[in-house]
Structure formats: structure tokens, C-alpha cells
Amino acid sequence: MQKIIPKHFGFTLIELMVVIVIIGILSGIGLASYTGTITKAKVAEAQTYLKDLRDSIRIAHISTDKYLGQITGNWCSDCACRSMNLKDIATTNSCYTIALSAITKIEQATDGVVTGVTNNIRDPWGGPYLIDENEWEWAATPCRKDVIRSAGPDSLLGTADDVVVTLGFSKKCP
């Protein structure tokens, strides 16, 4: 019996191109999923910090019997941060220094119950965590809730991707 030897070995150029296209599609899907997972993890990290800050503010309210604006000495700590890109702003920028001062005063108002909140006041995208002290900011409209937030992935305050925690009233609202 005689063996038949094929005249060509390997793959054709078209077969190789099909395999390369399939690998490219699969890697593109994997990269998109990975990017989405990273963004979700950063949002979760920001939410965790904001919830810790919220708890610190509650303790400060109880310790001092003051409104948040009285504790921080500012009724709009995030006002200096509006209309600017907050990604990696300098520590000398007024937005950063006011945010740091407000969070430091909150930590101090807890009388040592809370520590370490000021160790890193930057969100996962490089901007500072921000506070808008609203409760009793205006006597005419005293029942406005305080808000703490991260500017989110786009680092612009007031856009749809902001990570926001609205605080409950510290005292009974009339």
C-alpha cells in the first residue's frame, strides 16, 4: 500500500485571518468588561468613603449639637470647586484646602471618636471629596439637606456621574 502525501501543510491565509479576527473580538469584549469593572470598583470605593464621612458627621453632630455649617465654619465648602476640573488639583488650590479644612474640623468635632478621615481626602479619580452645608444655611429655607459628594469619573461637579450622599437632618426640621 502506498501512502498519499498531501501537497501542502498548515493553514491558509484566510484561516489565519479568521482566527486573528476572532481573537481581536474576544479581547475587545474582555477589555470593555475589565474597564467597566474598574469604574464600578472606583464608584464603590467613593461610596464607602462618603458613608464613613457621613457617619463621622453624625458623630460630630451628636458631640457638638451644631449644624454642619457651624462645625466646618463654612456654609458652602464646595463652592470654590464648582466649574473646574477636579482631577489631581494641587493641594494649594483653594478648593482642596477648603475641603481639607472642613473634613479636619469634622474629625476634630468627634472628640477623638473618629480618626484617619483626613488621611486621604481624594476620591479615586484624584479630586477632593466635597461638602455642601445646607441645613440652616438660610433662615428663610432652613430645611435643606447637607450633601457630601465626589465629582466622579469626569471630575466635574454637578454632572450625572457624581457620587452623592444626602445627609438626614441633624435636628428636627420645623
C-alpha atoms as a PDB file:
ATOM      1  CA  MET A   1       0.000   0.000   0.000  1.00  0.00           C
ATOM      2  CA  GLN A   2       1.285   3.360  -0.978  1.00  0.00           C
ATOM      3  CA  LYS A   3       0.945   6.415   1.312  1.00  0.00           C
ATOM      4  CA  ILE A   4      -0.544   9.562  -0.075  1.00  0.00           C
ATOM      5  CA  ILE A   5       1.421  12.615   0.961  1.00  0.00           C
ATOM      6  CA  PRO A   6      -0.531  15.870   0.980  1.00  0.00           C
ATOM      7  CA  LYS A   7       0.937  18.590  -1.163  1.00  0.00           C
ATOM      8  CA  HIS A   8       0.527  21.401   1.422  1.00  0.00           C
ATOM      9  CA  PHE A   9       0.773  21.650   5.171  1.00  0.00           C
ATOM     10  CA  GLY A  10      -0.530  24.308   7.608  1.00  0.00           C
ATOM     11  CA  PHE A  11      -3.242  26.894   7.330  1.00  0.00           C
ATOM     12  CA  THR A  12      -4.322  29.130   4.540  1.00  0.00           C
ATOM     13  CA  LEU A  13      -4.024  32.874   4.873  1.00  0.00           C
ATOM     14  CA  ILE A  14      -7.815  33.213   5.152  1.00  0.00           C
ATOM     15  CA  GLU A  15      -7.963  30.700   8.010  1.00  0.00           C
ATOM     16  CA  LEU A  16      -5.259  32.615   9.886  1.00  0.00           C
ATOM     17  CA  MET A  17      -7.046  35.919   9.334  1.00  0.00           C
ATOM     18  CA  VAL A  18     -10.332  34.482  10.648  1.00  0.00           C
ATOM     19  CA  VAL A  19      -8.583  33.261  13.814  1.00  0.00           C
ATOM     20  CA  ILE A  20      -6.899  36.657  14.327  1.00  0.00           C
ATOM     21  CA  VAL A  21     -10.231  38.480  13.903  1.00  0.00           C
ATOM     22  CA  ILE A  22     -11.906  36.169  16.439  1.00  0.00           C
ATOM     23  CA  ILE A  23      -9.082  36.730  18.937  1.00  0.00           C
ATOM     24  CA  GLY A  24      -9.384  40.504  18.408  1.00  0.00           C
ATOM     25  CA  ILE A  25     -13.133  40.468  19.019  1.00  0.00           C
ATOM     26  CA  LEU A  26     -12.785  38.387  22.182  1.00  0.00           C
ATOM     27  CA  SER A  27     -10.009  40.587  23.566  1.00  0.00           C
ATOM     28  CA  GLY A  28     -12.068  43.712  22.829  1.00  0.00           C
ATOM     29  CA  ILE A  29     -15.011  42.284  24.765  1.00  0.00           C
ATOM     30  CA  GLY A  30     -12.711  41.346  27.638  1.00  0.00           C
ATOM     31  CA  LEU A  31     -11.138  44.809  27.743  1.00  0.00           C
ATOM     32  CA  ALA A  32     -14.547  46.516  27.770  1.00  0.00           C
ATOM     33  CA  SER A  33     -15.692  44.293  30.637  1.00  0.00           C
ATOM     34  CA  TYR A  34     -12.478  44.991  32.541  1.00  0.00           C
ATOM     35  CA  THR A  35     -12.839  48.757  32.117  1.00  0.00           C
ATOM     36  CA  GLY A  36     -16.440  48.625  33.354  1.00  0.00           C
ATOM     37  CA  THR A  37     -15.376  46.603  36.378  1.00  0.00           C
ATOM     38  CA  ILE A  38     -12.646  49.118  37.253  1.00  0.00           C
ATOM     39  CA  THR A  39     -15.134  52.002  37.081  1.00  0.00           C
ATOM     40  CA  LYS A  40     -17.619  50.142  39.301  1.00  0.00           C
ATOM     41  CA  ALA A  41     -14.869  49.429  41.835  1.00  0.00           C
ATOM     42  CA  LYS A  42     -13.883  53.104  41.946  1.00  0.00           C
ATOM     43  CA  VAL A  43     -17.515  54.169  42.439  1.00  0.00           C
ATOM     44  CA  ALA A  44     -17.838  51.633  45.277  1.00  0.00           C
ATOM     45  CA  GLU A  45     -14.652  52.997  46.876  1.00  0.00           C
ATOM     46  CA  ALA A  46     -16.021  56.556  46.717  1.00  0.00           C
ATOM     47  CA  GLN A  47     -19.367  55.430  48.180  1.00  0.00           C
ATOM     48  CA  THR A  48     -17.584  53.709  51.062  1.00  0.00           C
ATOM     49  CA  TYR A  49     -15.571  56.826  51.921  1.00  0.00           C
ATOM     50  CA  LEU A  50     -18.661  59.035  51.704  1.00  0.00           C
ATOM     51  CA  LYS A  51     -20.587  56.712  54.025  1.00  0.00           C
ATOM     52  CA  ASP A  52     -17.692  56.810  56.503  1.00  0.00           C
ATOM     53  CA  LEU A  53     -17.681  60.607  56.259  1.00  0.00           C
ATOM     54  CA  ARG A  54     -21.465  60.642  56.770  1.00  0.00           C
ATOM     55  CA  ASP A  55     -21.043  58.585  59.945  1.00  0.00           C
ATOM     56  CA  SER A  56     -18.296  60.954  61.125  1.00  0.00           C
ATOM     57  CA  ILE A  57     -20.617  63.907  60.541  1.00  0.00           C
ATOM     58  CA  ARG A  58     -23.356  62.218  62.591  1.00  0.00           C
ATOM     59  CA  ILE A  59     -20.926  61.715  65.468  1.00  0.00           C
ATOM     60  CA  ALA A  60     -19.819  65.359  65.175  1.00  0.00           C
ATOM     61  CA  HIS A  61     -23.480  66.476  65.290  1.00  0.00           C
ATOM     62  CA  ILE A  62     -24.038  64.472  68.468  1.00  0.00           C
ATOM     63  CA  SER A  63     -20.788  65.650  70.086  1.00  0.00           C
ATOM     64  CA  THR A  64     -21.311  69.348  69.374  1.00  0.00           C
ATOM     65  CA  ASP A  65     -25.094  69.776  68.941  1.00  0.00           C
ATOM     66  CA  LYS A  66     -24.272  72.035  65.972  1.00  0.00           C
ATOM     67  CA  TYR A  67     -25.285  72.124  62.333  1.00  0.00           C
ATOM     68  CA  LEU A  68     -22.682  71.023  59.789  1.00  0.00           C
ATOM     69  CA  GLY A  69     -22.049  74.593  58.621  1.00  0.00           C
ATOM     70  CA  GLN A  70     -21.301  75.600  62.206  1.00  0.00           C
ATOM     71  CA  ILE A  71     -18.906  72.663  62.597  1.00  0.00           C
ATOM     72  CA  THR A  72     -16.967  73.365  59.387  1.00  0.00           C
ATOM     73  CA  GLY A  73     -17.182  77.137  59.705  1.00  0.00           C
ATOM     74  CA  ASN A  74     -18.393  77.295  56.114  1.00  0.00           C
ATOM     75  CA  TRP A  75     -21.862  77.037  54.603  1.00  0.00           C
ATOM     76  CA  CYS A  76     -20.613  76.032  51.156  1.00  0.00           C
ATOM     77  CA  SER A  77     -17.292  74.202  51.279  1.00  0.00           C
ATOM     78  CA  ASP A  78     -17.693  73.001  47.698  1.00  0.00           C
ATOM     79  CA  CYS A  79     -18.412  76.458  46.220  1.00  0.00           C
ATOM     80  CA  ALA A  80     -14.722  77.007  45.429  1.00  0.00           C
ATOM     81  CA  CYS A  81     -14.753  73.753  43.444  1.00  0.00           C
ATOM     82  CA  ARG A  82     -17.593  74.459  41.053  1.00  0.00           C
ATOM     83  CA  SER A  83     -16.894  74.959  37.340  1.00  0.00           C
ATOM     84  CA  MET A  84     -13.420  73.391  37.388  1.00  0.00           C
ATOM     85  CA  ASN A  85     -11.891  70.028  36.622  1.00  0.00           C
ATOM     86  CA  LEU A  86     -11.020  68.486  39.985  1.00  0.00           C
ATOM     87  CA  LYS A  87      -8.772  65.695  38.718  1.00  0.00           C
ATOM     88  CA  ASP A  88      -5.476  65.862  40.598  1.00  0.00           C
ATOM     89  CA  ILE A  89      -5.852  69.518  41.623  1.00  0.00           C
ATOM     90  CA  ALA A  90      -2.941  70.918  43.592  1.00  0.00           C
ATOM     91  CA  THR A  91      -3.001  70.763  47.378  1.00  0.00           C
ATOM     92  CA  THR A  92      -2.517  74.543  47.323  1.00  0.00           C
ATOM     93  CA  ASN A  93      -5.714  75.119  45.333  1.00  0.00           C
ATOM     94  CA  SER A  94      -8.435  76.784  47.444  1.00  0.00           C
ATOM     95  CA  CYS A  95     -10.871  74.002  46.534  1.00  0.00           C
ATOM     96  CA  TYR A  96      -8.568  71.407  48.090  1.00  0.00           C
ATOM     97  CA  THR A  97      -7.594  73.466  51.147  1.00  0.00           C
ATOM     98  CA  ILE A  98     -11.222  74.309  51.989  1.00  0.00           C
ATOM     99  CA  ALA A  99     -12.263  70.649  51.606  1.00  0.00           C
ATOM    100  CA  LEU A 100      -9.367  69.517  53.805  1.00  0.00           C
ATOM    101  CA  SER A 101     -10.200  72.144  56.424  1.00  0.00           C
ATOM    102  CA  ALA A 102     -13.871  71.121  56.517  1.00  0.00           C
ATOM    103  CA  ILE A 103     -13.103  67.402  56.867  1.00  0.00           C
ATOM    104  CA  THR A 104     -10.437  68.133  59.501  1.00  0.00           C
ATOM    105  CA  LYS A 105     -12.938  70.167  61.547  1.00  0.00           C
ATOM    106  CA  ILE A 106     -15.486  67.339  61.313  1.00  0.00           C
ATOM    107  CA  GLU A 107     -12.897  64.849  62.567  1.00  0.00           C
ATOM    108  CA  GLN A 108     -11.899  67.190  65.409  1.00  0.00           C
ATOM    109  CA  ALA A 109     -15.559  67.691  66.379  1.00  0.00           C
ATOM    110  CA  THR A 110     -15.888  63.962  67.109  1.00  0.00           C
ATOM    111  CA  ASP A 111     -13.620  64.371  70.159  1.00  0.00           C
ATOM    112  CA  GLY A 112     -11.299  61.567  69.078  1.00  0.00           C
ATOM    113  CA  VAL A 113     -14.032  59.038  68.289  1.00  0.00           C
ATOM    114  CA  VAL A 114     -13.191  59.266  64.589  1.00  0.00           C
ATOM    115  CA  THR A 115      -9.607  59.324  63.321  1.00  0.00           C
ATOM    116  CA  GLY A 116      -7.988  58.928  59.926  1.00  0.00           C
ATOM    117  CA  VAL A 117     -10.739  60.539  57.846  1.00  0.00           C
ATOM    118  CA  THR A 118      -8.275  63.186  56.678  1.00  0.00           C
ATOM    119  CA  ASN A 119      -5.565  60.681  55.686  1.00  0.00           C
ATOM    120  CA  ASN A 120      -6.762  60.744  52.090  1.00  0.00           C
ATOM    121  CA  ILE A 121      -9.469  63.181  51.097  1.00  0.00           C
ATOM    122  CA  ARG A 122      -9.076  62.477  47.372  1.00  0.00           C
ATOM    123  CA  ASP A 123     -11.580  60.352  45.515  1.00  0.00           C
ATOM    124  CA  PRO A 124     -10.424  57.523  43.192  1.00  0.00           C
ATOM    125  CA  TRP A 125     -10.223  59.998  40.297  1.00  0.00           C
ATOM    126  CA  GLY A 126      -7.945  62.450  42.126  1.00  0.00           C
ATOM    127  CA  GLY A 127     -10.407  65.153  43.185  1.00  0.00           C
ATOM    128  CA  PRO A 128     -11.217  66.034  46.800  1.00  0.00           C
ATOM    129  CA  TYR A 129     -14.391  64.814  48.476  1.00  0.00           C
ATOM    130  CA  LEU A 130     -16.731  67.784  48.771  1.00  0.00           C
ATOM    131  CA  ILE A 131     -19.281  69.063  51.273  1.00  0.00           C
ATOM    132  CA  ASP A 132     -22.221  71.403  50.700  1.00  0.00           C
ATOM    133  CA  GLU A 133     -23.539  72.504  54.075  1.00  0.00           C
ATOM    134  CA  ASN A 134     -27.199  73.429  53.519  1.00  0.00           C
ATOM    135  CA  GLU A 135     -29.118  72.776  56.736  1.00  0.00           C
ATOM    136  CA  TRP A 136     -29.974  76.165  58.264  1.00  0.00           C
ATOM    137  CA  GLU A 137     -27.773  77.912  55.703  1.00  0.00           C
ATOM    138  CA  TRP A 138     -30.653  80.343  55.111  1.00  0.00           C
ATOM    139  CA  ALA A 139     -33.200  81.161  57.792  1.00  0.00           C
ATOM    140  CA  ALA A 140     -35.908  81.512  55.134  1.00  0.00           C
ATOM    141  CA  THR A 141     -35.336  77.921  53.933  1.00  0.00           C
ATOM    142  CA  PRO A 142     -33.810  76.045  56.875  1.00  0.00           C
ATOM    143  CA  CYS A 143     -34.915  72.569  55.820  1.00  0.00           C
ATOM    144  CA  ARG A 144     -32.380  71.882  53.074  1.00  0.00           C
ATOM    145  CA  LYS A 145     -30.274  68.760  53.459  1.00  0.00           C
ATOM    146  CA  ASP A 146     -26.485  68.710  53.576  1.00  0.00           C
ATOM    147  CA  VAL A 147     -24.742  66.899  50.723  1.00  0.00           C
ATOM    148  CA  ILE A 148     -21.353  65.181  50.510  1.00  0.00           C
ATOM    149  CA  ARG A 149     -20.027  64.077  47.153  1.00  0.00           C
ATOM    150  CA  SER A 150     -17.314  63.025  44.775  1.00  0.00           C
ATOM    151  CA  ALA A 151     -17.219  64.647  41.344  1.00  0.00           C
ATOM    152  CA  GLY A 152     -16.995  61.140  39.844  1.00  0.00           C
ATOM    153  CA  PRO A 153     -15.131  59.807  36.808  1.00  0.00           C
ATOM    154  CA  ASP A 154     -15.331  63.006  34.756  1.00  0.00           C
ATOM    155  CA  SER A 155     -14.034  65.082  37.736  1.00  0.00           C
ATOM    156  CA  LEU A 156     -16.638  67.794  37.079  1.00  0.00           C
ATOM    157  CA  LEU A 157     -19.007  68.738  39.883  1.00  0.00           C
ATOM    158  CA  GLY A 158     -22.725  68.668  39.129  1.00  0.00           C
ATOM    159  CA  THR A 159     -22.740  66.129  36.301  1.00  0.00           C
ATOM    160  CA  ALA A 160     -24.636  62.849  36.095  1.00  0.00           C
ATOM    161  CA  ASP A 161     -21.678  60.706  37.193  1.00  0.00           C
ATOM    162  CA  ASP A 162     -21.229  62.413  40.587  1.00  0.00           C
ATOM    163  CA  VAL A 163     -21.266  60.069  43.587  1.00  0.00           C
ATOM    164  CA  VAL A 164     -23.592  61.767  46.081  1.00  0.00           C
ATOM    165  CA  VAL A 165     -24.735  61.069  49.637  1.00  0.00           C
ATOM    166  CA  THR A 166     -27.505  63.282  51.005  1.00  0.00           C
ATOM    167  CA  LEU A 167     -27.485  63.578  54.786  1.00  0.00           C
ATOM    168  CA  GLY A 168     -30.517  63.474  57.019  1.00  0.00           C
ATOM    169  CA  PHE A 169     -31.367  66.447  59.204  1.00  0.00           C
ATOM    170  CA  SER A 170     -29.199  66.787  62.286  1.00  0.00           C
ATOM    171  CA  LYS A 171     -32.071  68.186  64.325  1.00  0.00           C
ATOM    172  CA  LYS A 172     -35.818  68.310  63.934  1.00  0.00           C
ATOM    173  CA  CYS A 173     -36.667  70.445  60.970  1.00  0.00           C
ATOM    174  CA  PRO A 174     -39.537  72.899  61.579  1.00  0.00           C
END
